[in-house]
C-alpha cells in the first residue's frame, strides 16, 4: 500500500464525500455518485480515478455499467500504522491511573 496515495486521496473533501456515499451504499454507478454533487460528471470521474489509484475504490463492470465499491483495507492500514500506535500511550496512561486509584486508599470514595 502506498500511504502517500491514500493520504492524498483522503485530503480532498469531495473524495471523502464519495467514500462516505460508497460506505452507505456500495456498488454505485458514476451517475448515482454524481447525484447531488455540484460538479460535472467528468470531475467526479477524475476524483474516482484518484480513489481507484489509491486502492480506496474497487470497480467491477456489470454489462455496460461500471460499479464502484469501497475498499476499506487501505484506511484500516492507515489506522493501524498511524493512529493505533499513538493511542497505545494514552491507553497505558488510563490503565495506570485506574490501577493507581484502585490501590490508593486516599482516592477511594467514601459511602
PDB file of N, CA and C in Angstrom:
ATOM      1  N   UNK A   1       0.847  -1.181   0.000  1.00  0.00           N
ATOM      2  CA  UNK A   1       0.000   0.000   0.000  1.00  0.00           C
ATOM      3  C   UNK A   1       0.891   1.243   0.000  1.00  0.00           C
ATOM      4  N   UNK A   2       0.495   2.220  -0.748  1.00  0.00           N
ATOM      5  CA  UNK A   2       1.223   3.479  -0.811  1.00  0.00           C
ATOM      6  C   UNK A   2       0.494   4.500   0.063  1.00  0.00           C
ATOM      7  N   UNK A   3       1.050   4.756   1.249  1.00  0.00           N
ATOM      8  CA  UNK A   3       0.411   5.694   2.183  1.00  0.00           C
ATOM      9  C   UNK A   3       0.236   7.079   1.575  1.00  0.00           C
ATOM     10  N   UNK A   4       1.223   7.524   0.791  1.00  0.00           N
ATOM     11  CA  UNK A   4       1.127   8.861   0.196  1.00  0.00           C
ATOM     12  C   UNK A   4      -0.099   8.979  -0.699  1.00  0.00           C
ATOM     13  N   UNK A   5      -0.354   7.960  -1.506  1.00  0.00           N
ATOM     14  CA  UNK A   5      -1.520   7.992  -2.398  1.00  0.00           C
ATOM     15  C   UNK A   5      -2.821   8.001  -1.593  1.00  0.00           C
ATOM     16  N   UNK A   6      -2.851   7.248  -0.516  1.00  0.00           N
ATOM     17  CA  UNK A   6      -4.052   7.201   0.322  1.00  0.00           C
ATOM     18  C   UNK A   6      -4.276   8.554   1.000  1.00  0.00           C
ATOM     19  N   UNK A   7      -3.220   9.125   1.589  1.00  0.00           N
ATOM     20  CA  UNK A   7      -3.362  10.429   2.233  1.00  0.00           C
ATOM     21  C   UNK A   7      -3.758  11.510   1.233  1.00  0.00           C
ATOM     22  N   UNK A   8      -3.171  11.471   0.044  1.00  0.00           N
ATOM     23  CA  UNK A   8      -3.529  12.446  -0.996  1.00  0.00           C
ATOM     24  C   UNK A   8      -4.997  12.303  -1.370  1.00  0.00           C
ATOM     25  N   UNK A   9      -5.446  11.077  -1.539  1.00  0.00           N
ATOM     26  CA  UNK A   9      -6.843  10.842  -1.897  1.00  0.00           C
ATOM     27  C   UNK A   9      -7.780  11.313  -0.790  1.00  0.00           C
ATOM     28  N   UNK A  10      -7.410  11.061   0.458  1.00  0.00           N
ATOM     29  CA  UNK A  10      -8.270  11.437   1.584  1.00  0.00           C
ATOM     30  C   UNK A  10      -8.223  12.928   1.903  1.00  0.00           C
ATOM     31  N   UNK A  11      -7.253  13.642   1.356  1.00  0.00           N
ATOM     32  CA  UNK A  11      -7.091  15.062   1.659  1.00  0.00           C
ATOM     33  C   UNK A  11      -8.204  15.918   1.060  1.00  0.00           C
ATOM     34  N   UNK A  12      -8.870  15.428   0.039  1.00  0.00           N
ATOM     35  CA  UNK A  12      -9.888  16.222  -0.646  1.00  0.00           C
ATOM     36  C   UNK A  12     -11.284  15.925  -0.085  1.00  0.00           C
ATOM     37  N   UNK A  13     -12.043  16.965   0.284  1.00  0.00           N
ATOM     38  CA  UNK A  13     -13.372  16.742   0.865  1.00  0.00           C
ATOM     39  C   UNK A  13     -14.357  16.070  -0.098  1.00  0.00           C
ATOM     40  N   UNK A  14     -14.246  16.336  -1.381  1.00  0.00           N
ATOM     41  CA  UNK A  14     -15.137  15.690  -2.345  1.00  0.00           C
ATOM     42  C   UNK A  14     -14.878  14.196  -2.385  1.00  0.00           C
ATOM     43  N   UNK A  15     -13.610  13.812  -2.363  1.00  0.00           N
ATOM     44  CA  UNK A  15     -13.292  12.379  -2.382  1.00  0.00           C
ATOM     45  C   UNK A  15     -13.748  11.702  -1.087  1.00  0.00           C
ATOM     46  N   UNK A  16     -13.606  12.400   0.035  1.00  0.00           N
ATOM     47  CA  UNK A  16     -14.101  11.820   1.296  1.00  0.00           C
ATOM     48  C   UNK A  16     -15.617  11.654   1.237  1.00  0.00           C
ATOM     49  N   UNK A  17     -16.285  12.612   0.631  1.00  0.00           N
ATOM     50  CA  UNK A  17     -17.749  12.513   0.494  1.00  0.00           C
ATOM     51  C   UNK A  17     -18.128  11.326  -0.399  1.00  0.00           C
ATOM     52  N   UNK A  18     -17.379  11.120  -1.477  1.00  0.00           N
ATOM     53  CA  UNK A  18     -17.642   9.960  -2.341  1.00  0.00           C
ATOM     54  C   UNK A  18     -17.431   8.658  -1.569  1.00  0.00           C
ATOM     55  N   UNK A  19     -16.384   8.600  -0.761  1.00  0.00           N
ATOM     56  CA  UNK A  19     -16.154   7.405   0.055  1.00  0.00           C
ATOM     57  C   UNK A  19     -17.281   7.197   1.068  1.00  0.00           C
ATOM     58  N   UNK A  20     -17.760   8.290   1.659  1.00  0.00           N
ATOM     59  CA  UNK A  20     -18.888   8.186   2.590  1.00  0.00           C
ATOM     60  C   UNK A  20     -20.118   7.626   1.883  1.00  0.00           C
ATOM     61  N   UNK A  21     -20.354   8.097   0.679  1.00  0.00           N
ATOM     62  CA  UNK A  21     -21.518   7.625  -0.077  1.00  0.00           C
ATOM     63  C   UNK A  21     -21.369   6.157  -0.456  1.00  0.00           C
ATOM     64  N   UNK A  22     -20.150   5.742  -0.784  1.00  0.00           N
ATOM     65  CA  UNK A  22     -19.928   4.328  -1.088  1.00  0.00           C
ATOM     66  C   UNK A  22     -20.010   3.471   0.167  1.00  0.00           C
ATOM     67  N   UNK A  23     -19.674   4.042   1.303  1.00  0.00           N
ATOM     68  CA  UNK A  23     -19.830   3.310   2.558  1.00  0.00           C
ATOM     69  C   UNK A  23     -21.309   3.071   2.842  1.00  0.00           C
ATOM     70  N   UNK A  24     -22.130   4.077   2.561  1.00  0.00           N
ATOM     71  CA  UNK A  24     -23.576   3.939   2.777  1.00  0.00           C
ATOM     72  C   UNK A  24     -24.188   2.931   1.814  1.00  0.00           C
ATOM     73  N   UNK A  25     -23.810   3.024   0.540  1.00  0.00           N
ATOM     74  CA  UNK A  25     -24.358   2.144  -0.492  1.00  0.00           C
ATOM     75  C   UNK A  25     -23.239   1.784  -1.446  1.00  0.00           C
ATOM     76  N   UNK A  26     -22.693   0.609  -1.294  1.00  0.00           N
ATOM     77  CA  UNK A  26     -21.599   0.184  -2.151  1.00  0.00           C
ATOM     78  C   UNK A  26     -22.151  -0.308  -3.478  1.00  0.00           C
ATOM     79  N   UNK A  27     -21.341  -0.215  -4.518  1.00  0.00           N
ATOM     80  CA  UNK A  27     -21.757  -0.703  -5.831  1.00  0.00           C
ATOM     81  C   UNK A  27     -22.528   0.326  -6.641  1.00  0.00           C
ATOM     82  N   UNK A  28     -22.188   1.593  -6.507  1.00  0.00           N
ATOM     83  CA  UNK A  28     -22.899   2.646  -7.242  1.00  0.00           C
ATOM     84  C   UNK A  28     -22.222   2.933  -8.575  1.00  0.00           C
ATOM     85  N   UNK A  29     -23.032   3.379  -9.519  1.00  0.00           N
ATOM     86  CA  UNK A  29     -22.523   3.800 -10.816  1.00  0.00           C
ATOM     87  C   UNK A  29     -22.045   5.243 -10.717  1.00  0.00           C
ATOM     88  N   UNK A  30     -21.362   5.687 -11.755  1.00  0.00           N
ATOM     89  CA  UNK A  30     -20.920   7.075 -11.811  1.00  0.00           C
ATOM     90  C   UNK A  30     -22.114   8.017 -11.755  1.00  0.00           C
ATOM     91  N   UNK A  31     -23.171   7.693 -12.473  1.00  0.00           N
ATOM     92  CA  UNK A  31     -24.374   8.539 -12.466  1.00  0.00           C
ATOM     93  C   UNK A  31     -24.957   8.665 -11.067  1.00  0.00           C
ATOM     94  N   UNK A  32     -25.011   7.565 -10.343  1.00  0.00           N
ATOM     95  CA  UNK A  32     -25.541   7.598  -8.981  1.00  0.00           C
ATOM     96  C   UNK A  32     -24.654   8.434  -8.068  1.00  0.00           C
ATOM     97  N   UNK A  33     -23.347   8.317  -8.242  1.00  0.00           N
ATOM     98  CA  UNK A  33     -22.425   9.079  -7.406  1.00  0.00           C
ATOM     99  C   UNK A  33     -22.456  10.572  -7.734  1.00  0.00           C
ATOM    100  N   UNK A  34     -22.821  10.915  -8.956  1.00  0.00           N
ATOM    101  CA  UNK A  34     -22.894  12.320  -9.362  1.00  0.00           C
ATOM    102  C   UNK A  34     -24.110  13.039  -8.773  1.00  0.00           C
ATOM    103  N   UNK A  35     -25.139  12.283  -8.413  1.00  0.00           N
ATOM    104  CA  UNK A  35     -26.373  12.883  -7.893  1.00  0.00           C
ATOM    105  C   UNK A  35     -26.085  13.713  -6.648  1.00  0.00           C
ATOM    106  N   UNK A  36     -26.550  14.943  -6.666  1.00  0.00           N
ATOM    107  CA  UNK A  36     -26.411  15.828  -5.519  1.00  0.00           C
ATOM    108  C   UNK A  36     -25.082  16.542  -5.429  1.00  0.00           C
ATOM    109  N   UNK A  37     -24.155  16.256  -6.331  1.00  0.00           N
ATOM    110  CA  UNK A  37     -22.871  16.946  -6.327  1.00  0.00           C
ATOM    111  C   UNK A  37     -22.920  18.100  -7.321  1.00  0.00           C
ATOM    112  N   UNK A  38     -22.365  19.204  -6.942  1.00  0.00           N
ATOM    113  CA  UNK A  38     -22.351  20.390  -7.801  1.00  0.00           C
ATOM    114  C   UNK A  38     -21.086  20.405  -8.652  1.00  0.00           C
ATOM    115  N   UNK A  39     -20.906  19.339  -9.435  1.00  0.00           N
ATOM    116  CA  UNK A  39     -19.749  19.267 -10.326  1.00  0.00           C
ATOM    117  C   UNK A  39     -20.102  18.403 -11.519  1.00  0.00           C
ATOM    118  N   UNK A  40     -19.287  18.515 -12.539  1.00  0.00           N
ATOM    119  CA  UNK A  40     -19.558  17.762 -13.758  1.00  0.00           C
ATOM    120  C   UNK A  40     -19.274  16.283 -13.551  1.00  0.00           C
ATOM    121  N   UNK A  41     -19.842  15.505 -14.424  1.00  0.00           N
ATOM    122  CA  UNK A  41     -19.621  14.066 -14.424  1.00  0.00           C
ATOM    123  C   UNK A  41     -18.131  13.765 -14.610  1.00  0.00           C
ATOM    124  N   UNK A  42     -17.474  14.552 -15.471  1.00  0.00           N
ATOM    125  CA  UNK A  42     -16.049  14.364 -15.730  1.00  0.00           C
ATOM    126  C   UNK A  42     -15.224  14.636 -14.463  1.00  0.00           C
ATOM    127  N   UNK A  43     -15.597  15.641 -13.697  1.00  0.00           N
ATOM    128  CA  UNK A  43     -14.871  15.954 -12.454  1.00  0.00           C
ATOM    129  C   UNK A  43     -15.023  14.819 -11.446  1.00  0.00           C
ATOM    130  N   UNK A  44     -16.226  14.276 -11.327  1.00  0.00           N
ATOM    131  CA  UNK A  44     -16.457  13.155 -10.407  1.00  0.00           C
ATOM    132  C   UNK A  44     -15.633  11.951 -10.863  1.00  0.00           C
ATOM    133  N   UNK A  45     -15.591  11.709 -12.169  1.00  0.00           N
ATOM    134  CA  UNK A  45     -14.809  10.585 -12.702  1.00  0.00           C
ATOM    135  C   UNK A  45     -13.322  10.761 -12.371  1.00  0.00           C
ATOM    136  N   UNK A  46     -12.821  11.989 -12.419  1.00  0.00           N
ATOM    137  CA  UNK A  46     -11.415  12.235 -12.068  1.00  0.00           C
ATOM    138  C   UNK A  46     -11.157  11.942 -10.596  1.00  0.00           C
ATOM    139  N   UNK A  47     -12.090  12.344  -9.741  1.00  0.00           N
ATOM    140  CA  UNK A  47     -11.951  12.042  -8.308  1.00  0.00           C
ATOM    141  C   UNK A  47     -11.964  10.527  -8.081  1.00  0.00           C
ATOM    142  N   UNK A  48     -12.855   9.837  -8.775  1.00  0.00           N
ATOM    143  CA  UNK A  48     -12.922   8.382  -8.631  1.00  0.00           C
ATOM    144  C   UNK A  48     -11.636   7.718  -9.122  1.00  0.00           C
ATOM    145  N   UNK A  49     -11.038   8.258 -10.161  1.00  0.00           N
ATOM    146  CA  UNK A  49      -9.778   7.702 -10.667  1.00  0.00           C
ATOM    147  C   UNK A  49      -8.673   7.822  -9.611  1.00  0.00           C
ATOM    148  N   UNK A  50      -8.656   8.936  -8.895  1.00  0.00           N
ATOM    149  CA  UNK A  50      -7.660   9.110  -7.818  1.00  0.00           C
ATOM    150  C   UNK A  50      -7.927   8.112  -6.699  1.00  0.00           C
ATOM    151  N   UNK A  51      -9.194   7.921  -6.357  1.00  0.00           N
ATOM    152  CA  UNK A  51      -9.548   6.947  -5.317  1.00  0.00           C
ATOM    153  C   UNK A  51      -9.188   5.528  -5.749  1.00  0.00           C
ATOM    154  N   UNK A  52      -9.410   5.225  -7.026  1.00  0.00           N
ATOM    155  CA  UNK A  52      -9.027   3.910  -7.549  1.00  0.00           C
ATOM    156  C   UNK A  52      -7.512   3.739  -7.496  1.00  0.00           C
ATOM    157  N   UNK A  53      -6.782   4.792  -7.871  1.00  0.00           N
ATOM    158  CA  UNK A  53      -5.325   4.733  -7.853  1.00  0.00           C
ATOM    159  C   UNK A  53      -4.763   4.506  -6.463  1.00  0.00           C
ATOM    160  N   UNK A  54      -5.481   4.980  -5.456  1.00  0.00           N
ATOM    161  CA  UNK A  54      -5.069   4.776  -4.059  1.00  0.00           C
ATOM    162  C   UNK A  54      -5.622   3.473  -3.503  1.00  0.00           C
ATOM    163  N   UNK A  55      -6.315   2.718  -4.337  1.00  0.00           N
ATOM    164  CA  UNK A  55      -6.907   1.432  -3.963  1.00  0.00           C
ATOM    165  C   UNK A  55      -8.015   1.580  -2.912  1.00  0.00           C
ATOM    166  N   UNK A  56      -8.608   2.770  -2.844  1.00  0.00           N
ATOM    167  CA  UNK A  56      -9.715   3.004  -1.914  1.00  0.00           C
ATOM    168  C   UNK A  56     -11.050   2.642  -2.538  1.00  0.00           C
ATOM    169  N   UNK A  57     -11.082   2.557  -3.849  1.00  0.00           N
ATOM    170  CA  UNK A  57     -12.292   2.190  -4.576  1.00  0.00           C
ATOM    171  C   UNK A  57     -11.936   1.075  -5.551  1.00  0.00           C
ATOM    172  N   UNK A  58     -12.757   0.043  -5.545  1.00  0.00           N
ATOM    173  CA  UNK A  58     -12.612  -1.055  -6.498  1.00  0.00           C
ATOM    174  C   UNK A  58     -13.771  -0.955  -7.473  1.00  0.00           C
ATOM    175  N   UNK A  59     -13.541  -1.352  -8.707  1.00  0.00           N
ATOM    176  CA  UNK A  59     -14.595  -1.289  -9.716  1.00  0.00           C
ATOM    177  C   UNK A  59     -14.856  -2.671 -10.286  1.00  0.00           C
ATOM    178  N   UNK A  60     -16.090  -2.831 -10.721  1.00  0.00           N
ATOM    179  CA  UNK A  60     -16.492  -4.072 -11.386  1.00  0.00           C
ATOM    180  C   UNK A  60     -17.448  -3.706 -12.504  1.00  0.00           C
ATOM    181  N   UNK A  61     -17.197  -4.222 -13.662  1.00  0.00           N
ATOM    182  CA  UNK A  61     -18.085  -3.982 -14.790  1.00  0.00           C
ATOM    183  C   UNK A  61     -19.256  -4.955 -14.716  1.00  0.00           C
ATOM    184  N   UNK A  62     -20.428  -4.389 -14.927  1.00  0.00           N
ATOM    185  CA  UNK A  62     -21.644  -5.194 -14.970  1.00  0.00           C
ATOM    186  C   UNK A  62     -22.386  -4.748 -16.222  1.00  0.00           C
ATOM    187  N   UNK A  63     -22.205  -5.500 -17.280  1.00  0.00           N
ATOM    188  CA  UNK A  63     -22.772  -5.090 -18.563  1.00  0.00           C
ATOM    189  C   UNK A  63     -22.075  -3.820 -19.029  1.00  0.00           C
ATOM    190  N   UNK A  64     -22.861  -2.799 -19.307  1.00  0.00           N
ATOM    191  CA  UNK A  64     -22.304  -1.528 -19.766  1.00  0.00           C
ATOM    192  C   UNK A  64     -21.966  -0.588 -18.612  1.00  0.00           C
ATOM    193  N   UNK A  65     -22.338  -0.974 -17.406  1.00  0.00           N
ATOM    194  CA  UNK A  65     -22.116  -0.113 -16.252  1.00  0.00           C
ATOM    195  C   UNK A  65     -20.836  -0.488 -15.514  1.00  0.00           C
ATOM    196  N   UNK A  66     -20.282   0.490 -14.881  1.00  0.00           N
ATOM    197  CA  UNK A  66     -19.098   0.303 -14.040  1.00  0.00           C
ATOM    198  C   UNK A  66     -19.540   0.604 -12.613  1.00  0.00           C
ATOM    199  N   UNK A  67     -19.480  -0.393 -11.761  1.00  0.00           N
ATOM    200  CA  UNK A  67     -19.907  -0.241 -10.372  1.00  0.00           C
ATOM    201  C   UNK A  67     -18.694   0.046  -9.499  1.00  0.00           C
ATOM    202  N   UNK A  68     -18.876   0.954  -8.554  1.00  0.00           N
ATOM    203  CA  UNK A  68     -17.795   1.375  -7.660  1.00  0.00           C
ATOM    204  C   UNK A  68     -18.072   0.862  -6.250  1.00  0.00           C
ATOM    205  N   UNK A  69     -17.045   0.286  -5.647  1.00  0.00           N
ATOM    206  CA  UNK A  69     -17.164  -0.290  -4.310  1.00  0.00           C
ATOM    207  C   UNK A  69     -16.072   0.280  -3.414  1.00  0.00           C
ATOM    208  N   UNK A  70     -16.419   0.535  -2.177  1.00  0.00           N
ATOM    209  CA  UNK A  70     -15.448   0.991  -1.192  1.00  0.00           C
ATOM    210  C   UNK A  70     -14.520  -0.158  -0.829  1.00  0.00           C
ATOM    211  N   UNK A  71     -13.224   0.131  -0.788  1.00  0.00           N
ATOM    212  CA  UNK A  71     -12.237  -0.826  -0.302  1.00  0.00           C
ATOM    213  C   UNK A  71     -11.655  -0.243   0.983  1.00  0.00           C
ATOM    214  N   UNK A  72     -12.084  -0.706   2.145  1.00  0.00           N
ATOM    215  CA  UNK A  72     -11.629  -0.122   3.408  1.00  0.00           C
ATOM    216  C   UNK A  72     -10.243  -0.578   3.856  1.00  0.00           C
ATOM    217  N   UNK A  73      -9.630  -1.510   3.155  1.00  0.00           N
ATOM    218  CA  UNK A  73      -8.347  -2.065   3.597  1.00  0.00           C
ATOM    219  C   UNK A  73      -7.260  -0.989   3.722  1.00  0.00           C
ATOM    220  N   UNK A  74      -7.073  -0.092   2.747  1.00  0.00           N
ATOM    221  CA  UNK A  74      -6.032   0.933   2.929  1.00  0.00           C
ATOM    222  C   UNK A  74      -6.306   1.863   4.116  1.00  0.00           C
ATOM    223  N   UNK A  75      -7.565   2.152   4.386  1.00  0.00           N
ATOM    224  CA  UNK A  75      -7.906   3.005   5.527  1.00  0.00           C
ATOM    225  C   UNK A  75      -7.572   2.283   6.830  1.00  0.00           C
ATOM    226  N   UNK A  76      -7.850   0.984   6.876  1.00  0.00           N
ATOM    227  CA  UNK A  76      -7.508   0.191   8.057  1.00  0.00           C
ATOM    228  C   UNK A  76      -5.995   0.176   8.263  1.00  0.00           C
ATOM    229  N   UNK A  77      -5.261   0.072   7.166  1.00  0.00           N
ATOM    230  CA  UNK A  77      -3.802   0.103   7.259  1.00  0.00           C
ATOM    231  C   UNK A  77      -3.297   1.417   7.820  1.00  0.00           C
ATOM    232  N   UNK A  78      -3.897   2.514   7.393  1.00  0.00           N
ATOM    233  CA  UNK A  78      -3.548   3.839   7.922  1.00  0.00           C
ATOM    234  C   UNK A  78      -3.862   3.895   9.415  1.00  0.00           C
ATOM    235  N   UNK A  79      -5.031   3.402   9.778  1.00  0.00           N
ATOM    236  CA  UNK A  79      -5.426   3.422  11.193  1.00  0.00           C
ATOM    237  C   UNK A  79      -4.444   2.627  12.040  1.00  0.00           C
ATOM    238  N   UNK A  80      -4.056   1.453  11.567  1.00  0.00           N
ATOM    239  CA  UNK A  80      -3.135   0.620  12.331  1.00  0.00           C
ATOM    240  C   UNK A  80      -1.749   1.249  12.431  1.00  0.00           C
ATOM    241  N   UNK A  81      -1.287   1.817  11.330  1.00  0.00           N
ATOM    242  CA  UNK A  81       0.077   2.354  11.319  1.00  0.00           C
ATOM    243  C   UNK A  81       0.186   3.721  11.967  1.00  0.00           C
ATOM    244  N   UNK A  82      -0.790   4.594  11.727  1.00  0.00           N
ATOM    245  CA  UNK A  82      -0.641   5.988  12.125  1.00  0.00           C
ATOM    246  C   UNK A  82      -1.487   6.405  13.312  1.00  0.00           C
ATOM    247  N   UNK A  83      -2.539   5.678  13.619  1.00  0.00           N
ATOM    248  CA  UNK A  83      -3.418   6.110  14.706  1.00  0.00           C
ATOM    249  C   UNK A  83      -3.256   5.212  15.928  1.00  0.00           C
ATOM    250  N   UNK A  84      -3.286   3.917  15.715  1.00  0.00           N
ATOM    251  CA  UNK A  84      -3.244   2.976  16.842  1.00  0.00           C
ATOM    252  C   UNK A  84      -1.993   3.144  17.696  1.00  0.00           C
ATOM    253  N   UNK A  85      -0.863   3.396  17.061  1.00  0.00           N
ATOM    254  CA  UNK A  85       0.368   3.497  17.855  1.00  0.00           C
ATOM    255  C   UNK A  85       0.358   4.712  18.777  1.00  0.00           C
ATOM    256  N   UNK A  86      -0.380   5.747  18.419  1.00  0.00           N
ATOM    257  CA  UNK A  86      -0.460   6.919  19.280  1.00  0.00           C
ATOM    258  C   UNK A  86      -1.476   6.716  20.405  1.00  0.00           C
ATOM    259  N   UNK A  87      -2.399   5.803  20.217  1.00  0.00           N
ATOM    260  CA  UNK A  87      -3.382   5.509  21.246  1.00  0.00           C
ATOM    261  C   UNK A  87      -2.812   4.615  22.331  1.00  0.00           C
ATOM    262  N   UNK A  88      -1.802   3.827  22.010  1.00  0.00           N
ATOM    263  CA  UNK A  88      -1.226   2.901  22.986  1.00  0.00           C
ATOM    264  C   UNK A  88      -0.779   3.631  24.243  1.00  0.00           C
ATOM    265  N   UNK A  89      -0.095   4.750  24.081  1.00  0.00           N
ATOM    266  CA  UNK A  89       0.402   5.518  25.226  1.00  0.00           C
ATOM    267  C   UNK A  89      -0.764   6.033  26.078  1.00  0.00           C
ATOM    268  N   UNK A  90      -1.805   6.520  25.425  1.00  0.00           N
ATOM    269  CA  UNK A  90      -2.957   7.038  26.161  1.00  0.00           C
ATOM    270  C   UNK A  90      -3.677   5.928  26.913  1.00  0.00           C
ATOM    271  N   UNK A  91      -3.838   4.781  26.268  1.00  0.00           N
ATOM    272  CA  UNK A  91      -4.491   3.663  26.943  1.00  0.00           C
ATOM    273  C   UNK A  91      -3.664   3.156  28.116  1.00  0.00           C
ATOM    274  N   UNK A  92      -2.356   3.134  27.959  1.00  0.00           N
ATOM    275  CA  UNK A  92      -1.488   2.714  29.064  1.00  0.00           C
ATOM    276  C   UNK A  92      -1.600   3.692  30.229  1.00  0.00           C
ATOM    277  N   UNK A  93      -1.677   4.995  29.933  1.00  0.00           N
ATOM    278  CA  UNK A  93      -1.810   6.003  30.991  1.00  0.00           C
ATOM    279  C   UNK A  93      -3.146   5.847  31.715  1.00  0.00           C
ATOM    280  N   UNK A  94      -4.215   5.593  30.984  1.00  0.00           N
ATOM    281  CA  UNK A  94      -5.525   5.386  31.619  1.00  0.00           C
ATOM    282  C   UNK A  94      -5.528   4.135  32.478  1.00  0.00           C
ATOM    283  N   UNK A  95      -4.885   3.097  31.996  1.00  0.00           N
ATOM    284  CA  UNK A  95      -4.800   1.859  32.751  1.00  0.00           C
ATOM    285  C   UNK A  95      -4.008   2.063  34.048  1.00  0.00           C
ATOM    286  N   UNK A  96      -2.908   2.792  33.952  1.00  0.00           N
ATOM    287  CA  UNK A  96      -2.093   3.077  35.138  1.00  0.00           C
ATOM    288  C   UNK A  96      -2.868   3.933  36.129  1.00  0.00           C
ATOM    289  N   UNK A  97      -3.618   4.902  35.634  1.00  0.00           N
ATOM    290  CA  UNK A  97      -4.429   5.748  36.512  1.00  0.00           C
ATOM    291  C   UNK A  97      -5.479   4.915  37.234  1.00  0.00           C
ATOM    292  N   UNK A  98      -6.125   4.046  36.512  1.00  0.00           N
ATOM    293  CA  UNK A  98      -7.146   3.189  37.123  1.00  0.00           C
ATOM    294  C   UNK A  98      -6.528   2.303  38.206  1.00  0.00           C
ATOM    295  N   UNK A  99      -5.384   1.691  37.871  1.00  0.00           N
ATOM    296  CA  UNK A  99      -4.712   0.835  38.855  1.00  0.00           C
ATOM    297  C   UNK A  99      -4.313   1.634  40.077  1.00  0.00           C
ATOM    298  N   UNK A 100      -3.843   2.836  39.866  1.00  0.00           N
ATOM    299  CA  UNK A 100      -3.431   3.698  40.971  1.00  0.00           C
ATOM    300  C   UNK A 100      -4.617   4.050  41.859  1.00  0.00           C
ATOM    301  N   UNK A 101      -5.726   4.381  41.248  1.00  0.00           N
ATOM    302  CA  UNK A 101      -6.923   4.748  42.017  1.00  0.00           C
ATOM    303  C   UNK A 101      -7.499   3.555  42.775  1.00  0.00           C
ATOM    304  N   UNK A 102      -7.373   2.384  42.189  1.00  0.00           N
ATOM    305  CA  UNK A 102      -7.900   1.185  42.833  1.00  0.00           C
ATOM    306  C   UNK A 102      -7.038   0.757  44.016  1.00  0.00           C
ATOM    307  N   UNK A 103      -5.760   1.118  44.029  1.00  0.00           N
ATOM    308  CA  UNK A 103      -4.880   0.681  45.111  1.00  0.00           C
ATOM    309  C   UNK A 103      -4.602   1.772  46.136  1.00  0.00           C
ATOM    310  N   UNK A 104      -4.872   3.041  45.812  1.00  0.00           N
ATOM    311  CA  UNK A 104      -4.596   4.158  46.720  1.00  0.00           C
ATOM    312  C   UNK A 104      -5.824   4.399  47.573  1.00  0.00           C
ATOM    313  N   UNK A 105      -5.760   4.053  48.882  1.00  0.00           N
ATOM    314  CA  UNK A 105      -6.942   4.197  49.746  1.00  0.00           C
ATOM    315  C   UNK A 105      -7.393   5.639  49.900  1.00  0.00           C
ATOM    316  N   UNK A 106      -6.505   6.597  49.739  1.00  0.00           N
ATOM    317  CA  UNK A 106      -6.914   8.010  49.899  1.00  0.00           C
ATOM    318  C   UNK A 106      -7.789   8.484  48.742  1.00  0.00           C
ATOM    319  N   UNK A 107      -7.773   7.754  47.623  1.00  0.00           N
ATOM    320  CA  UNK A 107      -8.563   8.155  46.459  1.00  0.00           C
ATOM    321  C   UNK A 107      -9.899   7.409  46.375  1.00  0.00           C
ATOM    322  N   UNK A 108     -10.126   6.499  47.320  1.00  0.00           N
ATOM    323  CA  UNK A 108     -11.371   5.722  47.274  1.00  0.00           C
ATOM    324  C   UNK A 108     -12.534   6.590  47.774  1.00  0.00           C
ATOM    325  N   UNK A 109     -13.674   6.305  47.219  1.00  0.00           N
ATOM    326  CA  UNK A 109     -14.891   7.008  47.645  1.00  0.00           C
ATOM    327  C   UNK A 109     -15.340   6.533  49.012  1.00  0.00           C
ATOM    328  N   UNK A 110     -15.903   7.430  49.708  1.00  0.00           N
ATOM    329  CA  UNK A 110     -16.488   7.056  50.991  1.00  0.00           C
ATOM    330  C   UNK A 110     -17.998   6.913  50.791  1.00  0.00           C
ATOM    331  N   UNK A 111     -18.597   5.923  51.453  1.00  0.00           N
ATOM    332  CA  UNK A 111     -20.061   5.723  51.318  1.00  0.00           C
ATOM    333  C   UNK A 111     -20.879   6.807  51.927  1.00  0.00           C
TER     334      UNK A 111
END
